[in-house]
């Protein structure tokens, strides 16, 4: 069953491009090692915060990637540029 990890955070607007470059590097590195990462979506919300959704083909693939997160220095490099970060996991039960 498809699952998602959803992050919400703030990014300094003056450093957004650097953040985006670091985020891209993290996604590329994680996807290379864990092809169960189906897609990612970064959305700027009306209040200026961002929602970052990472879609995985299974809870097992998402869990395996999370367990190896320390092996990907690109991830903390990107997330170090965020503030007020939260994350939750969810299971997709209906899509239209």
N, C-alpha and C. Protein backbone atom coordinates (compact mmCIF):
# COMPACT_ATOMS: atom_id res chain seq x y z
N UNK A 1 0.84 -1.17 0.00
CA UNK A 1 0.00 0.00 0.00
C UNK A 1 0.88 1.24 0.00
N UNK A 2 0.54 2.23 -0.80
CA UNK A 2 1.29 3.47 -0.91
C UNK A 2 1.18 4.28 0.38
N UNK A 3 2.32 4.84 0.80
CA UNK A 3 2.36 5.65 2.00
C UNK A 3 3.07 6.97 1.69
N UNK A 4 2.86 7.95 2.56
CA UNK A 4 3.51 9.24 2.41
C UNK A 4 4.12 9.67 3.73
N UNK A 5 5.16 10.45 3.62
CA UNK A 5 5.71 11.18 4.76
C UNK A 5 5.56 12.64 4.41
N UNK A 6 4.87 13.37 5.28
CA UNK A 6 4.56 14.78 5.01
C UNK A 6 5.30 15.65 6.02
N UNK A 7 6.04 16.60 5.49
CA UNK A 7 6.79 17.55 6.30
C UNK A 7 6.15 18.92 6.11
N UNK A 8 6.18 19.73 7.13
CA UNK A 8 5.80 21.13 6.99
C UNK A 8 6.88 21.94 7.70
N UNK A 9 7.32 23.01 7.04
CA UNK A 9 8.40 23.81 7.60
C UNK A 9 8.45 25.19 6.95
N UNK A 10 9.34 26.01 7.50
CA UNK A 10 9.62 27.33 6.95
C UNK A 10 11.03 27.31 6.36
N UNK A 11 11.23 28.16 5.34
CA UNK A 11 12.56 28.34 4.75
C UNK A 11 12.76 29.84 4.55
N UNK A 12 13.92 30.32 4.93
CA UNK A 12 14.26 31.74 4.71
C UNK A 12 14.17 32.02 3.21
N UNK A 13 13.33 32.96 2.79
CA UNK A 13 13.17 33.24 1.36
C UNK A 13 14.48 33.58 0.65
N UNK A 14 15.40 34.21 1.35
CA UNK A 14 16.67 34.58 0.73
C UNK A 14 17.56 33.37 0.48
N UNK A 15 17.28 32.26 1.13
CA UNK A 15 18.10 31.05 0.98
C UNK A 15 17.32 29.93 0.31
N UNK A 16 16.16 30.26 -0.25
CA UNK A 16 15.30 29.23 -0.81
C UNK A 16 15.97 28.44 -1.93
N UNK A 17 16.64 29.09 -2.86
CA UNK A 17 17.27 28.37 -3.97
C UNK A 17 18.33 27.40 -3.46
N UNK A 18 19.12 27.83 -2.48
CA UNK A 18 20.11 26.92 -1.89
C UNK A 18 19.41 25.73 -1.24
N UNK A 19 18.33 26.00 -0.51
CA UNK A 19 17.56 24.91 0.08
C UNK A 19 17.06 23.95 -1.00
N UNK A 20 16.49 24.50 -2.08
CA UNK A 20 15.95 23.68 -3.15
C UNK A 20 17.04 22.81 -3.78
N UNK A 21 18.22 23.36 -3.97
CA UNK A 21 19.34 22.59 -4.51
C UNK A 21 19.73 21.45 -3.56
N UNK A 22 19.77 21.75 -2.28
CA UNK A 22 20.11 20.71 -1.29
C UNK A 22 19.01 19.65 -1.21
N UNK A 23 17.77 20.07 -1.28
CA UNK A 23 16.65 19.12 -1.26
C UNK A 23 16.74 18.19 -2.47
N UNK A 24 17.03 18.75 -3.64
CA UNK A 24 17.16 17.94 -4.85
C UNK A 24 18.27 16.91 -4.69
N UNK A 25 19.40 17.32 -4.14
CA UNK A 25 20.52 16.39 -3.93
C UNK A 25 20.11 15.27 -2.97
N UNK A 26 19.36 15.61 -1.93
CA UNK A 26 18.90 14.59 -0.98
C UNK A 26 17.96 13.61 -1.66
N UNK A 27 17.02 14.12 -2.42
CA UNK A 27 16.06 13.24 -3.11
C UNK A 27 16.80 12.31 -4.06
N UNK A 28 17.74 12.85 -4.84
CA UNK A 28 18.48 12.03 -5.79
C UNK A 28 19.26 10.92 -5.09
N UNK A 29 19.93 11.26 -4.00
CA UNK A 29 20.72 10.27 -3.27
C UNK A 29 19.84 9.18 -2.65
N UNK A 30 18.75 9.59 -2.03
CA UNK A 30 17.85 8.63 -1.39
C UNK A 30 17.17 7.75 -2.45
N UNK A 31 16.73 8.34 -3.53
CA UNK A 31 16.06 7.58 -4.58
C UNK A 31 17.01 6.57 -5.24
N UNK A 32 18.26 6.94 -5.39
CA UNK A 32 19.23 6.01 -5.97
C UNK A 32 19.38 4.76 -5.11
N UNK A 33 19.41 4.94 -3.82
CA UNK A 33 19.56 3.81 -2.89
C UNK A 33 18.24 3.12 -2.58
N UNK A 34 17.13 3.86 -2.70
CA UNK A 34 15.81 3.34 -2.34
C UNK A 34 14.80 3.70 -3.44
N UNK A 35 14.74 2.89 -4.50
CA UNK A 35 13.85 3.21 -5.62
C UNK A 35 12.36 3.14 -5.27
N UNK A 36 12.02 2.78 -4.05
CA UNK A 36 10.62 2.79 -3.62
C UNK A 36 10.07 4.19 -3.42
N UNK A 37 10.94 5.21 -3.53
CA UNK A 37 10.49 6.60 -3.45
C UNK A 37 9.88 6.95 -4.80
N UNK A 38 8.56 7.05 -4.84
CA UNK A 38 7.83 7.24 -6.09
C UNK A 38 7.86 8.68 -6.56
N UNK A 39 7.57 9.61 -5.65
CA UNK A 39 7.54 11.03 -6.04
C UNK A 39 7.67 11.90 -4.80
N UNK A 40 8.03 13.15 -5.04
CA UNK A 40 8.03 14.15 -3.98
C UNK A 40 7.32 15.38 -4.52
N UNK A 41 6.68 16.11 -3.62
CA UNK A 41 5.98 17.35 -4.00
C UNK A 41 6.22 18.40 -2.93
N UNK A 42 6.73 19.52 -3.36
CA UNK A 42 6.95 20.65 -2.46
C UNK A 42 5.94 21.72 -2.82
N UNK A 43 5.17 22.15 -1.83
CA UNK A 43 4.10 23.13 -2.06
C UNK A 43 4.30 24.31 -1.12
N UNK A 44 4.28 25.51 -1.68
CA UNK A 44 4.31 26.72 -0.85
C UNK A 44 2.86 27.04 -0.48
N UNK A 45 2.58 27.14 0.80
CA UNK A 45 1.24 27.44 1.29
C UNK A 45 1.03 28.94 1.39
N UNK A 46 -0.21 29.33 1.55
CA UNK A 46 -0.57 30.76 1.62
C UNK A 46 0.16 31.51 2.73
N UNK A 47 0.46 30.82 3.81
CA UNK A 47 1.12 31.47 4.95
C UNK A 47 2.64 31.55 4.80
N UNK A 48 3.16 31.08 3.66
CA UNK A 48 4.60 31.13 3.41
C UNK A 48 5.37 29.90 3.86
N UNK A 49 4.69 28.97 4.52
CA UNK A 49 5.35 27.72 4.89
C UNK A 49 5.28 26.76 3.71
N UNK A 50 5.98 25.65 3.85
CA UNK A 50 6.02 24.64 2.79
C UNK A 50 5.53 23.30 3.31
N UNK A 51 4.84 22.57 2.46
CA UNK A 51 4.49 21.19 2.72
C UNK A 51 5.29 20.36 1.72
N UNK A 52 5.99 19.37 2.22
CA UNK A 52 6.86 18.53 1.41
C UNK A 52 6.37 17.09 1.58
N UNK A 53 5.80 16.52 0.53
CA UNK A 53 5.22 15.18 0.60
C UNK A 53 6.10 14.22 -0.18
N UNK A 54 6.51 13.16 0.49
CA UNK A 54 7.32 12.11 -0.13
C UNK A 54 6.47 10.85 -0.19
N UNK A 55 6.23 10.38 -1.39
CA UNK A 55 5.36 9.22 -1.60
C UNK A 55 6.21 7.97 -1.85
N UNK A 56 5.90 6.94 -1.10
CA UNK A 56 6.64 5.67 -1.16
C UNK A 56 5.69 4.56 -1.61
N UNK A 57 6.25 3.56 -2.25
CA UNK A 57 5.42 2.45 -2.72
C UNK A 57 5.02 1.50 -1.60
N UNK A 58 5.70 1.56 -0.44
CA UNK A 58 5.31 0.71 0.68
C UNK A 58 5.90 1.26 1.98
N UNK A 59 5.30 0.88 3.08
CA UNK A 59 5.80 1.27 4.40
C UNK A 59 7.19 0.65 4.63
N UNK A 60 7.43 -0.51 4.06
CA UNK A 60 8.72 -1.17 4.22
C UNK A 60 9.84 -0.36 3.56
N UNK A 61 9.58 0.14 2.34
CA UNK A 61 10.61 0.94 1.66
C UNK A 61 10.83 2.26 2.38
N UNK A 62 9.76 2.88 2.84
CA UNK A 62 9.92 4.13 3.57
C UNK A 62 10.71 3.89 4.86
N UNK A 63 10.39 2.83 5.57
CA UNK A 63 11.09 2.49 6.80
C UNK A 63 12.55 2.18 6.59
N UNK A 64 12.85 1.46 5.51
CA UNK A 64 14.25 1.13 5.20
C UNK A 64 15.05 2.40 4.92
N UNK A 65 14.47 3.33 4.18
CA UNK A 65 15.16 4.59 3.89
C UNK A 65 15.35 5.39 5.17
N UNK A 66 14.33 5.45 6.01
CA UNK A 66 14.43 6.19 7.27
C UNK A 66 15.51 5.60 8.17
N UNK A 67 15.62 4.28 8.18
CA UNK A 67 16.62 3.61 9.01
C UNK A 67 18.04 3.92 8.55
N UNK A 68 18.20 4.25 7.27
CA UNK A 68 19.53 4.55 6.72
C UNK A 68 19.75 6.05 6.51
N UNK A 69 18.92 6.87 7.08
CA UNK A 69 19.01 8.31 6.85
C UNK A 69 20.38 8.87 7.17
N UNK A 70 21.05 8.32 8.17
CA UNK A 70 22.38 8.82 8.54
C UNK A 70 23.40 8.61 7.42
N UNK A 71 23.11 7.71 6.50
CA UNK A 71 24.02 7.44 5.37
C UNK A 71 23.89 8.48 4.26
N UNK A 72 22.93 9.38 4.40
CA UNK A 72 22.67 10.39 3.38
C UNK A 72 22.91 11.79 3.97
N UNK A 73 24.13 12.30 3.93
CA UNK A 73 24.40 13.62 4.51
C UNK A 73 23.63 14.74 3.80
N UNK A 74 23.14 14.47 2.61
CA UNK A 74 22.37 15.48 1.88
C UNK A 74 21.07 15.83 2.60
N UNK A 75 20.47 14.86 3.28
CA UNK A 75 19.19 15.10 3.95
C UNK A 75 19.33 16.10 5.10
N UNK A 76 20.24 15.88 6.07
CA UNK A 76 20.36 16.88 7.12
C UNK A 76 20.88 18.22 6.61
N UNK A 77 21.65 18.20 5.52
CA UNK A 77 22.12 19.46 4.93
C UNK A 77 20.94 20.29 4.45
N UNK A 78 19.96 19.64 3.83
CA UNK A 78 18.77 20.36 3.37
C UNK A 78 17.90 20.78 4.55
N UNK A 79 17.65 19.87 5.45
CA UNK A 79 16.75 20.17 6.57
C UNK A 79 17.34 21.18 7.55
N UNK A 80 18.66 21.36 7.53
CA UNK A 80 19.27 22.35 8.41
C UNK A 80 18.88 23.77 8.01
N UNK A 81 18.33 23.92 6.82
CA UNK A 81 17.91 25.23 6.33
C UNK A 81 16.44 25.52 6.63
N UNK A 82 15.78 24.62 7.34
CA UNK A 82 14.37 24.81 7.66
C UNK A 82 14.21 25.18 9.13
N UNK A 83 13.03 25.67 9.46
CA UNK A 83 12.69 25.94 10.85
C UNK A 83 11.24 25.53 11.08
N UNK A 84 10.91 25.35 12.34
CA UNK A 84 9.54 24.96 12.72
C UNK A 84 9.06 23.72 11.97
N UNK A 85 9.95 22.74 11.82
CA UNK A 85 9.64 21.55 11.04
C UNK A 85 8.83 20.52 11.82
N UNK A 86 7.85 19.95 11.16
CA UNK A 86 7.08 18.83 11.69
C UNK A 86 6.98 17.77 10.60
N UNK A 87 6.72 16.53 10.99
CA UNK A 87 6.56 15.46 10.01
C UNK A 87 5.57 14.43 10.54
N UNK A 88 4.76 13.90 9.63
CA UNK A 88 3.83 12.82 9.96
C UNK A 88 3.81 11.84 8.79
N UNK A 89 3.46 10.61 9.11
CA UNK A 89 3.32 9.56 8.09
C UNK A 89 1.84 9.28 7.88
N UNK A 90 1.50 8.83 6.66
CA UNK A 90 0.12 8.48 6.38
C UNK A 90 0.02 7.44 5.30
N UNK A 91 -1.08 6.76 5.25
CA UNK A 91 -1.37 5.73 4.25
C UNK A 91 -2.42 6.28 3.30
N UNK A 92 -2.16 6.21 2.01
CA UNK A 92 -3.11 6.70 1.03
C UNK A 92 -4.23 5.68 0.89
N UNK A 93 -5.45 6.09 1.16
CA UNK A 93 -6.58 5.16 1.11
C UNK A 93 -7.53 5.42 -0.04
N UNK A 94 -7.43 6.59 -0.67
CA UNK A 94 -8.31 6.87 -1.81
C UNK A 94 -7.66 7.95 -2.69
N UNK A 95 -7.64 7.70 -3.97
CA UNK A 95 -7.14 8.68 -4.93
C UNK A 95 -8.13 8.73 -6.09
N UNK A 96 -8.35 9.89 -6.61
CA UNK A 96 -9.26 10.03 -7.76
C UNK A 96 -8.64 10.89 -8.80
